Amino acid sequence: MRSDAVDLHDEASAEYDAAFDWYLERSPDAALNFDAEVEHALTQIVQAPQRWAVGPHLTIAGFCSGNFPLL
């Protein structure tokens, strides 16, 4: 996952890593698809951050994309 375009909270980054590892243990293809979906979601957020609801501490709240829900 790219980290140069966004600044993820440490807990969000740890959650991504745990989810990626979970998918990887079950299917390398699923892990790659998960990573691509997260990358796509982050790209959308970076391109138009005003499009998404703002949560506490000026964060993107409850973003969901494709087959993988991102909270």
C-alpha atoms as a PDB file:
ATOM      1  CA  MET A   1       0.000   0.000   0.000  1.00  0.00           C
ATOM      2  CA  ARG A   2       1.294   3.470  -0.849  1.00  0.00           C
ATOM      3  CA  SER A   3       1.986   5.662   2.122  1.00  0.00           C
ATOM      4  CA  ASP A   4       3.239   8.810   0.374  1.00  0.00           C
ATOM      5  CA  ALA A   5      -0.200  10.135  -0.641  1.00  0.00           C
ATOM      6  CA  VAL A   6      -1.959   9.851   2.734  1.00  0.00           C
ATOM      7  CA  ASP A   7      -1.173   9.933   6.409  1.00  0.00           C
ATOM      8  CA  LEU A   8      -2.769   6.934   8.110  1.00  0.00           C
ATOM      9  CA  HIS A   9      -3.295   6.824  11.853  1.00  0.00           C
ATOM     10  CA  ASP A  10      -1.006   4.232  13.461  1.00  0.00           C
ATOM     11  CA  GLU A  11      -3.996   2.092  14.443  1.00  0.00           C
ATOM     12  CA  ALA A  12      -5.410   2.247  10.903  1.00  0.00           C
ATOM     13  CA  SER A  13      -2.054   1.208   9.495  1.00  0.00           C
ATOM     14  CA  ALA A  14      -1.837  -1.699  11.945  1.00  0.00           C
ATOM     15  CA  GLU A  15      -5.388  -2.722  11.060  1.00  0.00           C
ATOM     16  CA  TYR A  16      -4.535  -2.670   7.346  1.00  0.00           C
ATOM     17  CA  ASP A  17      -1.444  -4.825   7.988  1.00  0.00           C
ATOM     18  CA  ALA A  18      -3.454  -7.324  10.034  1.00  0.00           C
ATOM     19  CA  ALA A  19      -6.183  -7.533   7.388  1.00  0.00           C
ATOM     20  CA  PHE A  20      -3.636  -7.944   4.597  1.00  0.00           C
ATOM     21  CA  ASP A  21      -1.923 -10.763   6.516  1.00  0.00           C
ATOM     22  CA  TRP A  22      -5.300 -12.414   7.189  1.00  0.00           C
ATOM     23  CA  TYR A  23      -6.123 -12.417   3.469  1.00  0.00           C
ATOM     24  CA  LEU A  24      -2.589 -13.510   2.557  1.00  0.00           C
ATOM     25  CA  GLU A  25      -2.813 -16.584   4.806  1.00  0.00           C
ATOM     26  CA  ARG A  26      -5.956 -17.634   2.968  1.00  0.00           C
ATOM     27  CA  SER A  27      -5.214 -16.520  -0.586  1.00  0.00           C
ATOM     28  CA  PRO A  28      -2.368 -14.475  -2.105  1.00  0.00           C
ATOM     29  CA  ASP A  29      -4.791 -13.332  -4.815  1.00  0.00           C
ATOM     30  CA  ALA A  30      -7.278 -12.098  -2.206  1.00  0.00           C
ATOM     31  CA  ALA A  31      -4.485 -10.208  -0.430  1.00  0.00           C
ATOM     32  CA  LEU A  32      -3.454  -8.527  -3.681  1.00  0.00           C
ATOM     33  CA  ASN A  33      -7.081  -7.682  -4.472  1.00  0.00           C
ATOM     34  CA  PHE A  34      -7.502  -6.235  -0.976  1.00  0.00           C
ATOM     35  CA  ASP A  35      -4.369  -4.112  -1.383  1.00  0.00           C
ATOM     36  CA  ALA A  36      -5.542  -2.870  -4.795  1.00  0.00           C
ATOM     37  CA  GLU A  37      -8.957  -1.970  -3.371  1.00  0.00           C
ATOM     38  CA  VAL A  38      -7.398  -0.038  -0.487  1.00  0.00           C
ATOM     39  CA  GLU A  39      -5.106   1.761  -2.941  1.00  0.00           C
ATOM     40  CA  HIS A  40      -8.109   2.629  -5.124  1.00  0.00           C
ATOM     41  CA  ALA A  41     -10.062   3.922  -2.115  1.00  0.00           C
ATOM     42  CA  LEU A  42      -7.150   6.051  -0.905  1.00  0.00           C
ATOM     43  CA  THR A  43      -6.657   7.459  -4.402  1.00  0.00           C
ATOM     44  CA  GLN A  44     -10.329   8.462  -4.530  1.00  0.00           C
ATOM     45  CA  ILE A  45     -10.060  10.133  -1.139  1.00  0.00           C
ATOM     46  CA  VAL A  46      -6.896  12.029  -2.106  1.00  0.00           C
ATOM     47  CA  GLN A  47      -8.420  13.181  -5.406  1.00  0.00           C
ATOM     48  CA  ALA A  48     -11.607  14.544  -3.794  1.00  0.00           C
ATOM     49  CA  PRO A  49     -11.413  14.611   0.014  1.00  0.00           C
ATOM     50  CA  GLN A  50     -14.414  16.929   0.266  1.00  0.00           C
ATOM     51  CA  ARG A  51     -16.621  14.197  -1.242  1.00  0.00           C
ATOM     52  CA  TRP A  52     -16.494  12.053   1.911  1.00  0.00           C
ATOM     53  CA  ALA A  53     -18.037  12.592   5.348  1.00  0.00           C
ATOM     54  CA  VAL A  54     -15.643  14.046   7.884  1.00  0.00           C
ATOM     55  CA  GLY A  55     -15.367  12.226  11.184  1.00  0.00           C
ATOM     56  CA  PRO A  56     -13.708  13.102  14.460  1.00  0.00           C
ATOM     57  CA  HIS A  57     -10.318  14.780  14.201  1.00  0.00           C
ATOM     58  CA  LEU A  58     -10.941  15.674  10.520  1.00  0.00           C
ATOM     59  CA  THR A  59     -10.726  12.053   9.378  1.00  0.00           C
ATOM     60  CA  ILE A  60     -12.638  10.326   6.579  1.00  0.00           C
ATOM     61  CA  ALA A  61     -15.487   8.514   8.300  1.00  0.00           C
ATOM     62  CA  GLY A  62     -16.849   5.115   7.315  1.00  0.00           C
ATOM     63  CA  PHE A  63     -15.496   4.846   3.787  1.00  0.00           C
ATOM     64  CA  CYS A  64     -16.583   1.665   2.026  1.00  0.00           C
ATOM     65  CA  SER A  65     -15.315   0.516  -1.333  1.00  0.00           C
ATOM     66  CA  GLY A  66     -15.988  -2.559  -3.440  1.00  0.00           C
ATOM     67  CA  ASN A  67     -15.871  -5.919  -1.679  1.00  0.00           C
ATOM     68  CA  PHE A  68     -13.764  -4.743   1.248  1.00  0.00           C
ATOM     69  CA  PRO A  69     -15.347  -2.359   3.804  1.00  0.00           C
ATOM     70  CA  LEU A  70     -12.940   0.270   5.071  1.00  0.00           C
ATOM     71  CA  LEU A  71     -13.787   1.960   8.332  1.00  0.00           C
END
